[in-house]
């Protein structure tokens, strides 16, 4: 048995259409679209809305609960992301980028980079973090260019006449 959603939406369908066109993120666009589809009567169940929007039905139910309790502004607020702070400060990262970009000066190893960051900025950073930062974020390599062997130069064949 399918349960129909009985949510009282305060905004009109034209207001929801205008708000829908103003959205910048995909998440907020989907939330307003869910309200719009329910308000216009195009879709009547939470499950059908979830299928149409490509989200889980629990997400749609959570959106509707948030809208019912706190209104449209609460539904559209984007929370600040929390998480672990970066291992290296932005100042040290820009200094490292400049040093890596300088063709006259460079580093021979990641351990040398660790020691340089510790001496210049006072930050003790793990080897693996330094490697990831240099290799993937700065997209730099520490491989020195190989010199041409002297044996290969002397074994060049001279043309025969």
Protein backbone atom coordinates (compact mmCIF):
# COMPACT_ATOMS: atom_id res chain seq x y z
CA UNK A 1 0.00 0.00 0.00
CA UNK A 2 1.37 3.40 -0.99
CA UNK A 3 1.03 6.25 1.47
CA UNK A 4 0.35 9.69 0.04
CA UNK A 5 2.27 12.63 1.43
CA UNK A 6 0.11 15.19 3.21
CA UNK A 7 2.49 18.12 3.58
CA UNK A 8 1.07 21.61 3.69
CA UNK A 9 3.27 23.80 1.49
CA UNK A 10 2.80 27.51 2.23
CA UNK A 11 4.34 28.87 -0.98
CA UNK A 12 2.49 28.90 -4.29
CA UNK A 13 3.72 26.93 -7.27
CA UNK A 14 4.84 30.12 -9.06
CA UNK A 15 6.84 31.19 -6.00
CA UNK A 16 8.43 27.76 -5.84
CA UNK A 17 9.25 27.97 -9.56
CA UNK A 18 11.02 31.33 -9.04
CA UNK A 19 12.93 29.98 -6.02
CA UNK A 20 13.84 26.89 -8.03
CA UNK A 21 15.40 29.00 -10.78
CA UNK A 22 17.50 30.93 -8.25
CA UNK A 23 19.22 27.88 -6.74
CA UNK A 24 22.98 27.57 -7.14
CA UNK A 25 23.61 24.06 -5.78
CA UNK A 26 22.19 20.76 -6.91
CA UNK A 27 21.16 19.77 -3.38
CA UNK A 28 19.04 22.86 -2.78
CA UNK A 29 17.62 22.57 -6.31
CA UNK A 30 16.43 19.01 -5.54
CA UNK A 31 14.84 20.09 -2.26
CA UNK A 32 12.82 22.85 -3.90
CA UNK A 33 11.99 20.57 -6.82
CA UNK A 34 10.56 18.02 -4.39
CA UNK A 35 8.31 20.69 -2.89
CA UNK A 36 7.32 21.90 -6.36
CA UNK A 37 6.42 18.41 -7.60
CA UNK A 38 4.29 17.80 -4.52
CA UNK A 39 2.62 21.23 -4.69
CA UNK A 40 1.69 20.93 -8.37
CA UNK A 41 0.36 17.41 -7.86
CA UNK A 42 2.60 15.87 -10.51
CA UNK A 43 3.81 13.31 -7.96
CA UNK A 44 1.89 12.36 -4.84
CA UNK A 45 4.12 9.94 -2.88
CA UNK A 46 7.49 10.35 -1.22
CA UNK A 47 8.77 7.21 -2.92
CA UNK A 48 7.89 8.52 -6.37
CA UNK A 49 9.52 11.88 -5.62
CA UNK A 50 12.67 10.08 -4.47
CA UNK A 51 12.77 8.01 -7.66
CA UNK A 52 12.22 11.09 -9.84
CA UNK A 53 14.99 13.04 -8.11
CA UNK A 54 17.41 10.14 -7.79
CA UNK A 55 17.68 10.24 -4.00
CA UNK A 56 16.65 7.92 -1.20
CA UNK A 57 13.12 8.23 0.15
CA UNK A 58 14.46 8.84 3.66
CA UNK A 59 16.24 11.95 2.35
CA UNK A 60 12.97 13.29 0.96
CA UNK A 61 11.21 12.55 4.24
CA UNK A 62 13.98 14.37 6.13
CA UNK A 63 13.62 17.40 3.82
CA UNK A 64 9.86 17.50 4.32
CA UNK A 65 10.24 17.18 8.10
CA UNK A 66 12.75 20.03 8.15
CA UNK A 67 10.46 22.17 5.98
CA UNK A 68 7.46 21.40 8.19
CA UNK A 69 9.31 22.26 11.41
CA UNK A 70 11.42 25.27 10.43
CA UNK A 71 10.32 26.51 7.01
CA UNK A 72 11.92 27.15 3.66
CA UNK A 73 14.93 29.15 4.91
CA UNK A 74 15.99 26.29 7.16
CA UNK A 75 15.68 23.86 4.28
CA UNK A 76 17.98 25.95 2.08
CA UNK A 77 20.67 26.81 4.63
CA UNK A 78 24.02 25.26 3.82
CA UNK A 79 25.91 24.22 6.91
CA UNK A 80 29.59 24.94 7.22
CA UNK A 81 31.62 21.80 6.74
CA UNK A 82 33.57 20.73 9.75
CA UNK A 83 36.51 18.43 9.80
CA UNK A 84 40.11 17.99 10.65
CA UNK A 85 42.30 21.01 9.94
CA UNK A 86 45.05 20.72 7.34
CA UNK A 87 48.38 19.35 8.47
CA UNK A 88 50.28 22.21 6.83
CA UNK A 89 49.49 25.89 7.15
CA UNK A 90 48.60 27.87 4.01
CA UNK A 91 51.69 30.03 4.54
CA UNK A 92 53.99 27.00 4.56
CA UNK A 93 52.21 25.53 1.53
CA UNK A 94 52.69 28.67 -0.55
CA UNK A 95 56.34 28.85 0.52
CA UNK A 96 56.82 25.23 -0.54
CA UNK A 97 55.15 25.87 -3.89
CA UNK A 98 57.47 28.81 -4.54
CA UNK A 99 60.53 26.78 -3.57
CA UNK A 100 59.45 23.86 -5.79
CA UNK A 101 58.81 26.21 -8.71
CA UNK A 102 62.25 27.81 -8.48
CA UNK A 103 64.49 26.12 -11.09
CA UNK A 104 67.73 27.19 -9.37
CA UNK A 105 66.89 25.74 -5.97
CA UNK A 106 65.19 22.48 -5.20
CA UNK A 107 65.06 19.47 -2.99
CA UNK A 108 66.74 16.10 -3.37
CA UNK A 109 64.35 14.15 -1.09
CA UNK A 110 61.06 14.39 0.76
CA UNK A 111 62.99 14.17 4.03
CA UNK A 112 64.82 17.32 3.01
CA UNK A 113 61.45 19.00 2.45
CA UNK A 114 60.34 17.88 5.91
CA UNK A 115 63.42 19.40 7.48
CA UNK A 116 63.02 22.63 5.47
CA UNK A 117 59.39 23.07 6.59
CA UNK A 118 60.41 22.37 10.19
CA UNK A 119 63.24 24.91 10.11
CA UNK A 120 61.38 27.63 8.15
CA UNK A 121 57.86 27.35 9.57
CA UNK A 122 58.27 25.24 12.72
CA UNK A 123 55.78 22.61 11.55
CA UNK A 124 56.63 18.95 12.00
CA UNK A 125 54.83 17.19 9.15
CA UNK A 126 54.69 13.47 8.48
CA UNK A 127 56.68 12.10 5.53
CA UNK A 128 53.57 10.65 3.89
CA UNK A 129 51.80 14.01 4.13
CA UNK A 130 54.75 15.80 2.55
CA UNK A 131 54.85 13.24 -0.26
CA UNK A 132 51.12 13.59 -0.95
CA UNK A 133 51.31 17.37 -0.87
CA UNK A 134 54.28 17.61 -3.22
CA UNK A 135 53.30 14.83 -5.58
CA UNK A 136 49.55 15.28 -5.91
CA UNK A 137 48.60 18.77 -4.74
CA UNK A 138 51.63 20.67 -6.06
CA UNK A 139 52.08 18.14 -8.91
CA UNK A 140 55.86 18.22 -8.63
CA UNK A 141 58.44 15.45 -8.79
CA UNK A 142 61.80 15.33 -7.08
CA UNK A 143 63.50 13.09 -9.62
CA UNK A 144 66.80 14.64 -10.67
CA UNK A 145 67.56 14.53 -14.36
CA UNK A 146 69.87 11.68 -15.28
CA UNK A 147 73.22 12.41 -16.81
CA UNK A 148 74.20 10.71 -20.00
CA UNK A 149 76.72 7.94 -19.49
CA UNK A 150 80.27 8.57 -20.72
CA UNK A 151 80.42 5.02 -22.10
CA UNK A 152 77.48 5.63 -24.39
CA UNK A 153 79.09 8.77 -25.74
CA UNK A 154 82.38 7.01 -26.56
CA UNK A 155 80.73 4.01 -28.24
CA UNK A 156 79.06 6.06 -30.94
CA UNK A 157 79.57 4.43 -34.27
CA UNK A 158 81.38 6.38 -36.90
CA UNK A 159 80.22 6.05 -40.47
CA UNK A 160 82.29 3.68 -42.61
CA UNK A 161 83.48 4.67 -46.08
